[in-house]
Amino acid sequence: MKWKLDDSRPIWPQLKEQIMKAIVSGEYPKGEGFPTVRDLSEEAGVNRNTMQRALSELEGMGLVITNRTTGRTVTEDENLIEKIREELAGENVEIFLNEMAALGYSPTEVIRFIERGLK
């Protein structure tokens, strides 16, 4: 996984968001084993405690499940994954629409703009 972290805000929420995106996109398939804290923290170049905090948040959401004997796995709950996927998409759409409004585009113009881009 390619990590994109910046200093403008705390690291653990950025890790959480990027892992969420990797789960909902299928990069980490549902029901499959999940990398260890050590592996993920080394890959991202962050402290293990920082990565652990992000993973704890994902566990609290139910996206990642910890089993004492087999380690972490990605949830098999397709409804949960789809719900979070739609929430993330909605957030991105809202950001996009706000940016387009800041450029002076009306909702109707945004739709036309998108339709032209899809051709």
PDB file of N, CA and C in Angstrom:
ATOM      1  N   MET A   1       0.849  -1.171   0.000  1.00  0.00           N
ATOM      2  CA  MET A   1       0.000   0.000   0.000  1.00  0.00           C
ATOM      3  C   MET A   1       0.892   1.231   0.000  1.00  0.00           C
ATOM      4  N   LYS A   2       0.514   2.214  -0.801  1.00  0.00           N
ATOM      5  CA  LYS A   2       1.268   3.462  -0.851  1.00  0.00           C
ATOM      6  C   LYS A   2       0.659   4.444   0.133  1.00  0.00           C
ATOM      7  N   TRP A   3       1.445   4.905   1.077  1.00  0.00           N
ATOM      8  CA  TRP A   3       0.967   5.787   2.132  1.00  0.00           C
ATOM      9  C   TRP A   3       1.220   7.230   1.748  1.00  0.00           C
ATOM     10  N   LYS A   4       0.207   8.081   1.967  1.00  0.00           N
ATOM     11  CA  LYS A   4       0.332   9.522   1.740  1.00  0.00           C
ATOM     12  C   LYS A   4      -0.009  10.210   3.048  1.00  0.00           C
ATOM     13  N   LEU A   5       1.017  10.649   3.741  1.00  0.00           N
ATOM     14  CA  LEU A   5       0.828  11.280   5.039  1.00  0.00           C
ATOM     15  C   LEU A   5       1.375  12.701   4.981  1.00  0.00           C
ATOM     16  N   ASP A   6       0.689  13.610   5.667  1.00  0.00           N
ATOM     17  CA  ASP A   6       1.182  14.979   5.727  1.00  0.00           C
ATOM     18  C   ASP A   6       1.139  15.486   7.165  1.00  0.00           C
ATOM     19  N   ASP A   7       1.847  16.563   7.395  1.00  0.00           N
ATOM     20  CA  ASP A   7       1.975  17.101   8.747  1.00  0.00           C
ATOM     21  C   ASP A   7       0.867  18.082   9.120  1.00  0.00           C
ATOM     22  N   SER A   8      -0.127  18.256   8.260  1.00  0.00           N
ATOM     23  CA  SER A   8      -1.173  19.252   8.518  1.00  0.00           C
ATOM     24  C   SER A   8      -2.179  18.800   9.571  1.00  0.00           C
ATOM     25  N   ARG A   9      -2.189  17.511   9.871  1.00  0.00           N
ATOM     26  CA  ARG A   9      -3.106  16.990  10.890  1.00  0.00           C
ATOM     27  C   ARG A   9      -2.524  15.710  11.469  1.00  0.00           C
ATOM     28  N   PRO A  10      -3.109  15.201  12.574  1.00  0.00           N
ATOM     29  CA  PRO A  10      -2.545  14.004  13.203  1.00  0.00           C
ATOM     30  C   PRO A  10      -2.437  12.823  12.233  1.00  0.00           C
ATOM     31  N   ILE A  11      -1.416  12.018  12.459  1.00  0.00           N
ATOM     32  CA  ILE A  11      -1.120  10.902  11.554  1.00  0.00           C
ATOM     33  C   ILE A  11      -2.127   9.764  11.686  1.00  0.00           C
ATOM     34  N   TRP A  12      -2.533   9.393  12.910  1.00  0.00           N
ATOM     35  CA  TRP A  12      -3.373   8.200  13.057  1.00  0.00           C
ATOM     36  C   TRP A  12      -4.689   8.299  12.299  1.00  0.00           C
ATOM     37  N   PRO A  13      -5.374   9.478  12.244  1.00  0.00           N
ATOM     38  CA  PRO A  13      -6.602   9.517  11.431  1.00  0.00           C
ATOM     39  C   PRO A  13      -6.315   9.336   9.940  1.00  0.00           C
ATOM     40  N   GLN A  14      -5.157   9.811   9.500  1.00  0.00           N
ATOM     41  CA  GLN A  14      -4.787   9.620   8.100  1.00  0.00           C
ATOM     42  C   GLN A  14      -4.571   8.142   7.803  1.00  0.00           C
ATOM     43  N   LEU A  15      -3.919   7.447   8.731  1.00  0.00           N
ATOM     44  CA  LEU A  15      -3.710   6.004   8.570  1.00  0.00           C
ATOM     45  C   LEU A  15      -5.051   5.280   8.529  1.00  0.00           C
ATOM     46  N   LYS A  16      -5.920   5.632   9.459  1.00  0.00           N
ATOM     47  CA  LYS A  16      -7.247   5.016   9.528  1.00  0.00           C
ATOM     48  C   LYS A  16      -7.992   5.200   8.205  1.00  0.00           C
ATOM     49  N   GLU A  17      -8.000   6.423   7.693  1.00  0.00           N
ATOM     50  CA  GLU A  17      -8.708   6.704   6.439  1.00  0.00           C
ATOM     51  C   GLU A  17      -8.127   5.917   5.275  1.00  0.00           C
ATOM     52  N   GLN A  18      -6.817   5.848   5.206  1.00  0.00           N
ATOM     53  CA  GLN A  18      -6.192   5.138   4.088  1.00  0.00           C
ATOM     54  C   GLN A  18      -6.433   3.635   4.166  1.00  0.00           C
ATOM     55  N   ILE A  19      -6.425   3.097   5.366  1.00  0.00           N
ATOM     56  CA  ILE A  19      -6.721   1.667   5.520  1.00  0.00           C
ATOM     57  C   ILE A  19      -8.184   1.403   5.195  1.00  0.00           C
ATOM     58  N   MET A  20      -9.082   2.299   5.629  1.00  0.00           N
ATOM     59  CA  MET A  20     -10.508   2.148   5.295  1.00  0.00           C
ATOM     60  C   MET A  20     -10.689   2.091   3.786  1.00  0.00           C
ATOM     61  N   LYS A  21     -10.039   3.006   3.079  1.00  0.00           N
ATOM     62  CA  LYS A  21     -10.145   3.031   1.614  1.00  0.00           C
ATOM     63  C   LYS A  21      -9.607   1.737   1.002  1.00  0.00           C
ATOM     64  N   ALA A  22      -8.513   1.238   1.569  1.00  0.00           N
ATOM     65  CA  ALA A  22      -7.941  -0.010   1.054  1.00  0.00           C
ATOM     66  C   ALA A  22      -8.889  -1.189   1.288  1.00  0.00           C
ATOM     67  N   ILE A  23      -9.618  -1.162   2.398  1.00  0.00           N
ATOM     68  CA  ILE A  23     -10.573  -2.240   2.680  1.00  0.00           C
ATOM     69  C   ILE A  23     -11.768  -2.141   1.746  1.00  0.00           C
ATOM     70  N   VAL A  24     -12.368  -0.954   1.635  1.00  0.00           N
ATOM     71  CA  VAL A  24     -13.583  -0.844   0.811  1.00  0.00           C
ATOM     72  C   VAL A  24     -13.290  -1.005  -0.675  1.00  0.00           C
ATOM     73  N   SER A  25     -12.049  -0.754  -1.084  1.00  0.00           N
ATOM     74  CA  SER A  25     -11.697  -0.933  -2.497  1.00  0.00           C
ATOM     75  C   SER A  25     -11.304  -2.369  -2.815  1.00  0.00           C
ATOM     76  N   GLY A  26     -11.138  -3.199  -1.762  1.00  0.00           N
ATOM     77  CA  GLY A  26     -10.780  -4.593  -1.980  1.00  0.00           C
ATOM     78  C   GLY A  26      -9.290  -4.863  -1.950  1.00  0.00           C
ATOM     79  N   GLU A  27      -8.475  -3.837  -1.704  1.00  0.00           N
ATOM     80  CA  GLU A  27      -7.036  -4.058  -1.603  1.00  0.00           C
ATOM     81  C   GLU A  27      -6.741  -5.036  -0.462  1.00  0.00           C
ATOM     82  N   TYR A  28      -7.498  -4.894   0.616  1.00  0.00           N
ATOM     83  CA  TYR A  28      -7.490  -5.881   1.694  1.00  0.00           C
ATOM     84  C   TYR A  28      -8.830  -6.600   1.604  1.00  0.00           C
ATOM     85  N   PRO A  29      -8.875  -7.783   1.006  1.00  0.00           N
ATOM     86  CA  PRO A  29     -10.147  -8.476   0.774  1.00  0.00           C
ATOM     87  C   PRO A  29     -10.854  -8.888   2.062  1.00  0.00           C
ATOM     88  N   LYS A  30     -12.182  -8.874   1.996  1.00  0.00           N
ATOM     89  CA  LYS A  30     -12.987  -9.253   3.169  1.00  0.00           C
ATOM     90  C   LYS A  30     -12.685 -10.690   3.567  1.00  0.00           C
ATOM     91  N   GLY A  31     -12.615 -10.887   4.883  1.00  0.00           N
ATOM     92  CA  GLY A  31     -12.362 -12.207   5.426  1.00  0.00           C
ATOM     93  C   GLY A  31     -10.911 -12.653   5.388  1.00  0.00           C
ATOM     94  N   GLU A  32     -10.067 -11.872   4.760  1.00  0.00           N
ATOM     95  CA  GLU A  32      -8.658 -12.260   4.629  1.00  0.00           C
ATOM     96  C   GLU A  32      -7.845 -11.773   5.824  1.00  0.00           C
ATOM     97  N   GLY A  33      -6.695 -12.387   6.000  1.00  0.00           N
ATOM     98  CA  GLY A  33      -5.775 -11.971   7.041  1.00  0.00           C
ATOM     99  C   GLY A  33      -5.311 -10.544   6.806  1.00  0.00           C
ATOM    100  N   PHE A  34      -4.978  -9.874   7.895  1.00  0.00           N
ATOM    101  CA  PHE A  34      -4.583  -8.471   7.838  1.00  0.00           C
ATOM    102  C   PHE A  34      -3.140  -8.352   8.312  1.00  0.00           C
ATOM    103  N   PRO A  35      -2.359  -7.461   7.717  1.00  0.00           N
ATOM    104  CA  PRO A  35      -0.960  -7.319   8.138  1.00  0.00           C
ATOM    105  C   PRO A  35      -0.834  -6.967   9.626  1.00  0.00           C
ATOM    106  N   THR A  36       0.300  -7.283  10.192  1.00  0.00           N
ATOM    107  CA  THR A  36       0.546  -6.980  11.597  1.00  0.00           C
ATOM    108  C   THR A  36       0.808  -5.488  11.785  1.00  0.00           C
ATOM    109  N   VAL A  37       0.683  -5.045  13.027  1.00  0.00           N
ATOM    110  CA  VAL A  37       0.994  -3.654  13.363  1.00  0.00           C
ATOM    111  C   VAL A  37       2.435  -3.355  12.974  1.00  0.00           C
ATOM    112  N   ARG A  38       3.319  -4.278  13.286  1.00  0.00           N
ATOM    113  CA  ARG A  38       4.735  -4.088  12.962  1.00  0.00           C
ATOM    114  C   ARG A  38       4.931  -3.885  11.463  1.00  0.00           C
ATOM    115  N   ASP A  39       4.345  -4.763  10.656  1.00  0.00           N
ATOM    116  CA  ASP A  39       4.504  -4.669   9.203  1.00  0.00           C
ATOM    117  C   ASP A  39       3.925  -3.356   8.663  1.00  0.00           C
ATOM    118  N   LEU A  40       2.723  -3.026   9.114  1.00  0.00           N
ATOM    119  CA  LEU A  40       2.086  -1.805   8.628  1.00  0.00           C
ATOM    120  C   LEU A  40       2.846  -0.552   9.058  1.00  0.00           C
ATOM    121  N   SER A  41       3.302  -0.528  10.311  1.00  0.00           N
ATOM    122  CA  SER A  41       4.009   0.661  10.789  1.00  0.00           C
ATOM    123  C   SER A  41       5.343   0.832  10.062  1.00  0.00           C
ATOM    124  N   GLU A  42       6.023  -0.269   9.793  1.00  0.00           N
ATOM    125  CA  GLU A  42       7.279  -0.184   9.038  1.00  0.00           C
ATOM    126  C   GLU A  42       7.020   0.282   7.616  1.00  0.00           C
ATOM    127  N   GLU A  43       5.994  -0.263   7.004  1.00  0.00           N
ATOM    128  CA  GLU A  43       5.643   0.109   5.631  1.00  0.00           C
ATOM    129  C   GLU A  43       5.282   1.591   5.525  1.00  0.00           C
ATOM    130  N   ALA A  44       4.531   2.098   6.509  1.00  0.00           N
ATOM    131  CA  ALA A  44       4.099   3.494   6.493  1.00  0.00           C
ATOM    132  C   ALA A  44       5.152   4.442   7.058  1.00  0.00           C
ATOM    133  N   GLY A  45       6.147   3.886   7.752  1.00  0.00           N
ATOM    134  CA  GLY A  45       7.184   4.715   8.351  1.00  0.00           C
ATOM    135  C   GLY A  45       6.690   5.491   9.562  1.00  0.00           C
ATOM    136  N   VAL A  46       5.842   4.831  10.360  1.00  0.00           N
ATOM    137  CA  VAL A  46       5.285   5.484  11.550  1.00  0.00           C
ATOM    138  C   VAL A  46       5.546   4.628  12.788  1.00  0.00           C
ATOM    139  N   ASN A  47       5.358   5.232  13.934  1.00  0.00           N
ATOM    140  CA  ASN A  47       5.492   4.547  15.213  1.00  0.00           C
ATOM    141  C   ASN A  47       4.415   3.474  15.341  1.00  0.00           C
ATOM    142  N   ARG A  48       4.748   2.353  15.957  1.00  0.00           N
ATOM    143  CA  ARG A  48       3.781   1.258  16.125  1.00  0.00           C
ATOM    144  C   ARG A  48       2.556   1.689  16.926  1.00  0.00           C
ATOM    145  N   ASN A  49       2.756   2.520  17.941  1.00  0.00           N
ATOM    146  CA  ASN A  49       1.616   2.977  18.737  1.00  0.00           C
ATOM    147  C   ASN A  49       0.640   3.805  17.906  1.00  0.00           C
ATOM    148  N   THR A  50       1.183   4.569  16.972  1.00  0.00           N
ATOM    149  CA  THR A  50       0.338   5.373  16.087  1.00  0.00           C
ATOM    150  C   THR A  50      -0.505   4.464  15.198  1.00  0.00           C
ATOM    151  N   MET A  51       0.133   3.439  14.641  1.00  0.00           N
ATOM    152  CA  MET A  51      -0.594   2.488  13.795  1.00  0.00           C
ATOM    153  C   MET A  51      -1.609   1.707  14.629  1.00  0.00           C
ATOM    154  N   GLN A  52      -1.221   1.333  15.839  1.00  0.00           N
ATOM    155  CA  GLN A  52      -2.131   0.591  16.711  1.00  0.00           C
ATOM    156  C   GLN A  52      -3.380   1.417  16.997  1.00  0.00           C
ATOM    157  N   ARG A  53      -3.221   2.714  17.190  1.00  0.00           N
ATOM    158  CA  ARG A  53      -4.385   3.566  17.451  1.00  0.00           C
ATOM    159  C   ARG A  53      -5.334   3.566  16.253  1.00  0.00           C
ATOM    160  N   ALA A  54      -4.774   3.661  15.055  1.00  0.00           N
ATOM    161  CA  ALA A  54      -5.604   3.630  13.848  1.00  0.00           C
ATOM    162  C   ALA A  54      -6.335   2.292  13.735  1.00  0.00           C
ATOM    163  N   LEU A  55      -5.639   1.203  13.990  1.00  0.00           N
ATOM    164  CA  LEU A  55      -6.256  -0.116  13.900  1.00  0.00           C
ATOM    165  C   LEU A  55      -7.312  -0.323  14.978  1.00  0.00           C
ATOM    166  N   SER A  56      -7.068   0.220  16.154  1.00  0.00           N
ATOM    167  CA  SER A  56      -8.068   0.124  17.224  1.00  0.00           C
ATOM    168  C   SER A  56      -9.361   0.823  16.817  1.00  0.00           C
ATOM    169  N   GLU A  57      -9.236   1.947  16.149  1.00  0.00           N
ATOM    170  CA  GLU A  57     -10.414   2.659  15.646  1.00  0.00           C
ATOM    171  C   GLU A  57     -11.162   1.807  14.618  1.00  0.00           C
ATOM    172  N   LEU A  58     -10.419   1.164  13.736  1.00  0.00           N
ATOM    173  CA  LEU A  58     -11.038   0.310  12.715  1.00  0.00           C
ATOM    174  C   LEU A  58     -11.694  -0.913  13.350  1.00  0.00           C
ATOM    175  N   GLU A  59     -11.105  -1.420  14.409  1.00  0.00           N
ATOM    176  CA  GLU A  59     -11.713  -2.529  15.143  1.00  0.00           C
ATOM    177  C   GLU A  59     -13.022  -2.069  15.777  1.00  0.00           C
ATOM    178  N   GLY A  60     -13.007  -0.860  16.341  1.00  0.00           N
ATOM    179  CA  GLY A  60     -14.214  -0.312  16.940  1.00  0.00           C
ATOM    180  C   GLY A  60     -15.341  -0.145  15.933  1.00  0.00           C
ATOM    181  N   MET A  61     -14.986   0.107  14.690  1.00  0.00           N
ATOM    182  CA  MET A  61     -15.973   0.242  13.620  1.00  0.00           C
ATOM    183  C   MET A  61     -16.445  -1.118  13.115  1.00  0.00           C
ATOM    184  N   GLY A  62     -15.679  -2.162  13.433  1.00  0.00           N
ATOM    185  CA  GLY A  62     -16.022  -3.496  12.958  1.00  0.00           C
ATOM    186  C   GLY A  62     -15.390  -3.866  11.638  1.00  0.00           C
ATOM    187  N   LEU A  63     -14.540  -2.998  11.076  1.00  0.00           N
ATOM    188  CA  LEU A  63     -13.910  -3.305   9.792  1.00  0.00           C
ATOM    189  C   LEU A  63     -12.783  -4.317   9.919  1.00  0.00           C
ATOM    190  N   VAL A  64     -12.096  -4.260  11.048  1.00  0.00           N
ATOM    191  CA  VAL A  64     -10.992  -5.180  11.308  1.00  0.00           C
ATOM    192  C   VAL A  64     -11.352  -5.949  12.576  1.00  0.00           C
ATOM    193  N   ILE A  65     -11.120  -7.240  12.539  1.00  0.00           N
ATOM    194  CA  ILE A  65     -11.465  -8.105  13.668  1.00  0.00           C
ATOM    195  C   ILE A  65     -10.192  -8.766  14.179  1.00  0.00           C
ATOM    196  N   THR A  66     -10.030  -8.747  15.493  1.00  0.00           N
ATOM    197  CA  THR A  66      -8.850  -9.365  16.098  1.00  0.00           C
ATOM    198  C   THR A  66      -9.221 -10.682  16.744  1.00  0.00           C
ATOM    199  N   ASN A  67      -8.450 -11.702  16.419  1.00  0.00           N
ATOM    200  CA  ASN A  67      -8.591 -13.019  17.021  1.00  0.00           C
ATOM    201  C   ASN A  67      -7.256 -13.333  17.685  1.00  0.00           C
ATOM    202  N   ARG A  68      -7.283 -13.661  18.934  1.00  0.00           N
ATOM    203  CA  ARG A  68      -6.041 -13.884  19.685  1.00  0.00           C
ATOM    204  C   ARG A  68      -5.132 -14.930  19.063  1.00  0.00           C
ATOM    205  N   THR A  69      -5.704 -15.921  18.434  1.00  0.00           N
ATOM    206  CA  THR A  69      -4.877 -17.006  17.905  1.00  0.00           C
ATOM    207  C   THR A  69      -4.481 -16.808  16.443  1.00  0.00           C
ATOM    208  N   THR A  70      -5.320 -16.143  15.663  1.00  0.00           N
ATOM    209  CA  THR A  70      -5.022 -16.008  14.230  1.00  0.00           C
ATOM    210  C   THR A  70      -4.670 -14.590  13.808  1.00  0.00           C
ATOM    211  N   GLY A  71      -4.696 -13.637  14.725  1.00  0.00           N
ATOM    212  CA  GLY A  71      -4.371 -12.259  14.372  1.00  0.00           C
ATOM    213  C   GLY A  71      -5.580 -11.518  13.835  1.00  0.00           C
ATOM    214  N   ARG A  72      -5.311 -10.484  13.091  1.00  0.00           N
ATOM    215  CA  ARG A  72      -6.394  -9.643  12.561  1.00  0.00           C
ATOM    216  C   ARG A  72      -6.850 -10.127  11.188  1.00  0.00           C
ATOM    217  N   THR A  73      -8.148  -9.933  10.942  1.00  0.00           N
ATOM    218  CA  THR A  73      -8.719 -10.190   9.628  1.00  0.00           C
ATOM    219  C   THR A  73      -9.633  -9.023   9.266  1.00  0.00           C
ATOM    220  N   VAL A  74      -9.894  -8.906   7.987  1.00  0.00           N
ATOM    221  CA  VAL A  74     -10.861  -7.920   7.508  1.00  0.00           C
ATOM    222  C   VAL A  74     -12.252  -8.522   7.692  1.00  0.00           C
ATOM    223  N   THR A  75     -13.194  -7.700   8.089  1.00  0.00           N
ATOM    224  CA  THR A  75     -14.557  -8.187   8.280  1.00  0.00           C
ATOM    225  C   THR A  75     -15.092  -8.852   7.017  1.00  0.00           C
ATOM    226  N   GLU A  76     -16.024  -9.755   7.207  1.00  0.00           N
ATOM    227  CA  GLU A  76     -16.724 -10.364   6.079  1.00  0.00           C
ATOM    228  C   GLU A  76     -18.083  -9.709   5.872  1.00  0.00           C
ATOM    229  N   ASP A  77     -18.398  -8.707   6.669  1.00  0.00           N
ATOM    230  CA  ASP A  77     -19.686  -8.025   6.629  1.00  0.00           C
ATOM    231  C   ASP A  77     -19.762  -7.102   5.406  1.00  0.00           C
ATOM    232  N   GLU A  78     -20.321  -7.630   4.320  1.00  0.00           N
ATOM    233  CA  GLU A  78     -20.419  -6.870   3.076  1.00  0.00           C
ATOM    234  C   GLU A  78     -21.252  -5.605   3.241  1.00  0.00           C
ATOM    235  N   ASN A  79     -22.308  -5.672   4.067  1.00  0.00           N
ATOM    236  CA  ASN A  79     -23.151  -4.491   4.282  1.00  0.00           C
ATOM    237  C   ASN A  79     -22.375  -3.372   4.952  1.00  0.00           C
ATOM    238  N   LEU A  80     -21.554  -3.700   5.937  1.00  0.00           N
ATOM    239  CA  LEU A  80     -20.741  -2.700   6.617  1.00  0.00           C
ATOM    240  C   LEU A  80     -19.739  -2.083   5.649  1.00  0.00           C
ATOM    241  N   ILE A  81     -19.087  -2.926   4.879  1.00  0.00           N
ATOM    242  CA  ILE A  81     -18.099  -2.421   3.915  1.00  0.00           C
ATOM    243  C   ILE A  81     -18.777  -1.492   2.915  1.00  0.00           C
ATOM    244  N   GLU A  82     -19.927  -1.886   2.398  1.00  0.00           N
ATOM    245  CA  GLU A  82     -20.639  -1.047   1.426  1.00  0.00           C
ATOM    246  C   GLU A  82     -21.117   0.253   2.059  1.00  0.00           C
ATOM    247  N   LYS A  83     -21.584   0.198   3.291  1.00  0.00           N
ATOM    248  CA  LYS A  83     -22.038   1.407   3.990  1.00  0.00           C
ATOM    249  C   LYS A  83     -20.887   2.407   4.124  1.00  0.00           C
ATOM    250  N   ILE A  84     -19.744   1.924   4.543  1.00  0.00           N
ATOM    251  CA  ILE A  84     -18.586   2.811   4.706  1.00  0.00           C
ATOM    252  C   ILE A  84     -18.099   3.310   3.354  1.00  0.00           C
ATOM    253  N   ARG A  85     -18.155   2.465   2.359  1.00  0.00           N
ATOM    254  CA  ARG A  85     -17.764   2.869   0.991  1.00  0.00           C
ATOM    255  C   ARG A  85     -18.640   4.016   0.510  1.00  0.00           C
ATOM    256  N   GLU A  86     -19.949   3.902   0.750  1.00  0.00           N
ATOM    257  CA  GLU A  86     -20.867   4.956   0.335  1.00  0.00           C
ATOM    258  C   GLU A  86     -20.646   6.240   1.136  1.00  0.00           C
ATOM    259  N   GLU A  87     -20.353   6.110   2.428  1.00  0.00           N
ATOM    260  CA  GLU A  87     -20.063   7.292   3.248  1.00  0.00           C
ATOM    261  C   GLU A  87     -18.828   8.022   2.729  1.00  0.00           C
ATOM    262  N   LEU A  88     -17.779   7.262   2.411  1.00  0.00           N
ATOM    263  CA  LEU A  88     -16.567   7.871   1.878  1.00  0.00           C
ATOM    264  C   LEU A  88     -16.830   8.537   0.534  1.00  0.00           C
ATOM    265  N   ALA A  89     -17.613   7.888  -0.308  1.00  0.00           N
ATOM    266  CA  ALA A  89     -17.955   8.469  -1.607  1.00  0.00           C
ATOM    267  C   ALA A  89     -18.744   9.764  -1.416  1.00  0.00           C
ATOM    268  N   GLY A  90     -19.692   9.756  -0.484  1.00  0.00           N
ATOM    269  CA  GLY A  90     -20.477  10.946  -0.212  1.00  0.00           C
ATOM    270  C   GLY A  90     -19.623  12.111   0.251  1.00  0.00           C
ATOM    271  N   GLU A  91     -18.649  11.823   1.101  1.00  0.00           N
ATOM    272  CA  GLU A  91     -17.737  12.867   1.570  1.00  0.00           C
ATOM    273  C   GLU A  91     -16.944  13.451   0.404  1.00  0.00           C
ATOM    274  N   ASN A  92     -16.485  12.585  -0.494  1.00  0.00           N
ATOM    275  CA  ASN A  92     -15.721  13.058  -1.650  1.00  0.00           C
ATOM    276  C   ASN A  92     -16.579  13.877  -2.598  1.00  0.00           C
ATOM    277  N   VAL A  93     -17.815  13.470  -2.790  1.00  0.00           N
ATOM    278  CA  VAL A  93     -18.728  14.220  -3.654  1.00  0.00           C
ATOM    279  C   VAL A  93     -18.982  15.604  -3.062  1.00  0.00           C
ATOM    280  N   GLU A  94     -19.194  15.655  -1.754  1.00  0.00           N
ATOM    281  CA  GLU A  94     -19.436  16.944  -1.097  1.00  0.00           C
ATOM    282  C   GLU A  94     -18.244  17.886  -1.259  1.00  0.00           C
ATOM    283  N   ILE A  95     -17.043  17.352  -1.084  1.00  0.00           N
ATOM    284  CA  ILE A  95     -15.833  18.160  -1.275  1.00  0.00           C
ATOM    285  C   ILE A  95     -15.762  18.666  -2.710  1.00  0.00           C
ATOM    286  N   PHE A  96     -16.018  17.772  -3.662  1.00  0.00           N
ATOM    287  CA  PHE A  96     -15.986  18.141  -5.072  1.00  0.00           C
ATOM    288  C   PHE A  96     -17.005  19.238  -5.382  1.00  0.00           C
ATOM    289  N   LEU A  97     -18.230  19.060  -4.908  1.00  0.00           N
ATOM    290  CA  LEU A  97     -19.271  20.055  -5.180  1.00  0.00           C
ATOM    291  C   LEU A  97     -18.941  21.400  -4.555  1.00  0.00           C
ATOM    292  N   ASN A  98     -18.391  21.388  -3.354  1.00  0.00           N
ATOM    293  CA  ASN A  98     -17.987  22.646  -2.714  1.00  0.00           C
ATOM    294  C   ASN A  98     -16.882  23.341  -3.496  1.00  0.00           C
ATOM    295  N   GLU A  99     -15.939  22.561  -3.996  1.00  0.00           N
ATOM    296  CA  GLU A  99     -14.852  23.129  -4.802  1.00  0.00           C
ATOM    297  C   GLU A  99     -15.388  23.705  -6.109  1.00  0.00           C
ATOM    298  N   MET A 100     -16.310  23.007  -6.735  1.00  0.00           N
ATOM    299  CA  MET A 100     -16.899  23.497  -7.978  1.00  0.00           C
ATOM    300  C   MET A 100     -17.717  24.763  -7.730  1.00  0.00           C
ATOM    301  N   ALA A 101     -18.435  24.809  -6.610  1.00  0.00           N
ATOM    302  CA  ALA A 101     -19.197  26.013  -6.258  1.00  0.00           C
ATOM    303  C   ALA A 101     -18.250  27.184  -6.032  1.00  0.00           C
ATOM    304  N   ALA A 102     -17.094  26.919  -5.427  1.00  0.00           N
ATOM    305  CA  ALA A 102     -16.106  27.975  -5.202  1.00  0.00           C
ATOM    306  C   ALA A 102     -15.552  28.514  -6.517  1.00  0.00           C
ATOM    307  N   LEU A 103     -15.601  27.692  -7.560  1.00  0.00           N
ATOM    308  CA  LEU A 103     -15.182  28.130  -8.899  1.00  0.00           C
ATOM    309  C   LEU A 103     -16.310  28.824  -9.658  1.00  0.00           C
ATOM    310  N   GLY A 104     -17.486  28.861  -9.024  1.00  0.00           N
ATOM    311  CA  GLY A 104     -18.615  29.555  -9.640  1.00  0.00           C
ATOM    312  C   GLY A 104     -19.552  28.669 -10.442  1.00  0.00           C
ATOM    313  N   TYR A 105     -19.381  27.362 -10.358  1.00  0.00           N
ATOM    314  CA  TYR A 105     -20.262  26.452 -11.088  1.00  0.00           C
ATOM    315  C   TYR A 105     -21.552  26.222 -10.306  1.00  0.00           C
ATOM    316  N   SER A 106     -22.668  26.258 -11.022  1.00  0.00           N
ATOM    317  CA  SER A 106     -23.956  25.911 -10.423  1.00  0.00           C
ATOM    318  C   SER A 106     -24.085  24.386 -10.456  1.00  0.00           C
ATOM    319  N   PRO A 107     -25.006  23.817  -9.671  1.00  0.00           N
ATOM    320  CA  PRO A 107     -25.201  22.356  -9.727  1.00  0.00           C
ATOM    321  C   PRO A 107     -25.496  21.857 -11.142  1.00  0.00           C
ATOM    322  N   THR A 108     -26.290  22.611 -11.891  1.00  0.00           N
ATOM    323  CA  THR A 108     -26.611  22.221 -13.271  1.00  0.00           C
ATOM    324  C   THR A 108     -25.354  22.223 -14.139  1.00  0.00           C
ATOM    325  N   GLU A 109     -24.506  23.218 -13.963  1.00  0.00           N
ATOM    326  CA  GLU A 109     -23.259  23.278 -14.733  1.00  0.00           C
ATOM    327  C   GLU A 109     -22.319  22.137 -14.352  1.00  0.00           C
ATOM    328  N   VAL A 110     -22.306  21.777 -13.082  1.00  0.00           N
ATOM    329  CA  VAL A 110     -21.462  20.672 -12.636  1.00  0.00           C
ATOM    330  C   VAL A 110     -21.910  19.385 -13.317  1.00  0.00           C
ATOM    331  N   ILE A 111     -23.222  19.158 -13.374  1.00  0.00           N
ATOM    332  CA  ILE A 111     -23.749  17.952 -14.027  1.00  0.00           C
ATOM    333  C   ILE A 111     -23.342  17.934 -15.495  1.00  0.00           C
ATOM    334  N   ARG A 112     -23.501  19.063 -16.195  1.00  0.00           N
ATOM    335  CA  ARG A 112     -23.101  19.131 -17.609  1.00  0.00           C
ATOM    336  C   ARG A 112     -21.603  18.882 -17.769  1.00  0.00           C
ATOM    337  N   PHE A 113     -20.834  19.458 -16.866  1.00  0.00           N
ATOM    338  CA  PHE A 113     -19.386  19.292 -16.891  1.00  0.00           C
ATOM    339  C   PHE A 113     -19.022  17.813 -16.754  1.00  0.00           C
ATOM    340  N   ILE A 114     -19.657  17.124 -15.819  1.00  0.00           N
ATOM    341  CA  ILE A 114     -19.402  15.693 -15.605  1.00  0.00           C
ATOM    342  C   ILE A 114     -19.831  14.891 -16.825  1.00  0.00           C
ATOM    343  N   GLU A 115     -21.009  15.193 -17.359  1.00  0.00           N
ATOM    344  CA  GLU A 115     -21.497  14.470 -18.546  1.00  0.00           C
ATOM    345  C   GLU A 115     -20.545  14.624 -19.719  1.00  0.00           C
ATOM    346  N   ARG A 116     -20.000  15.811 -19.914  1.00  0.00           N
ATOM    347  CA  ARG A 116     -19.034  16.023 -21.000  1.00  0.00           C
ATOM    348  C   ARG A 116     -17.762  15.198 -20.771  1.00  0.00           C
ATOM    349  N   GLY A 117     -17.364  15.104 -19.512  1.00  0.00           N
ATOM    350  CA  GLY A 117     -16.142  14.356 -19.183  1.00  0.00           C
ATOM    351  C   GLY A 117     -16.303  12.863 -19.343  1.00  0.00           C
ATOM    352  N   LEU A 118     -17.541  12.362 -19.275  1.00  0.00           N
ATOM    353  CA  LEU A 118     -17.784  10.923 -19.383  1.00  0.00           C
ATOM    354  C   LEU A 118     -17.887  10.453 -20.818  1.00  0.00           C
ATOM    355  N   LYS A 119     -17.917  11.345 -21.754  1.00  0.00           N
ATOM    356  CA  LYS A 119     -18.051  10.953 -23.168  1.00  0.00           C
ATOM    357  C   LYS A 119     -16.738  10.590 -23.779  1.00  0.00           C
TER     358      LYS A 119
END
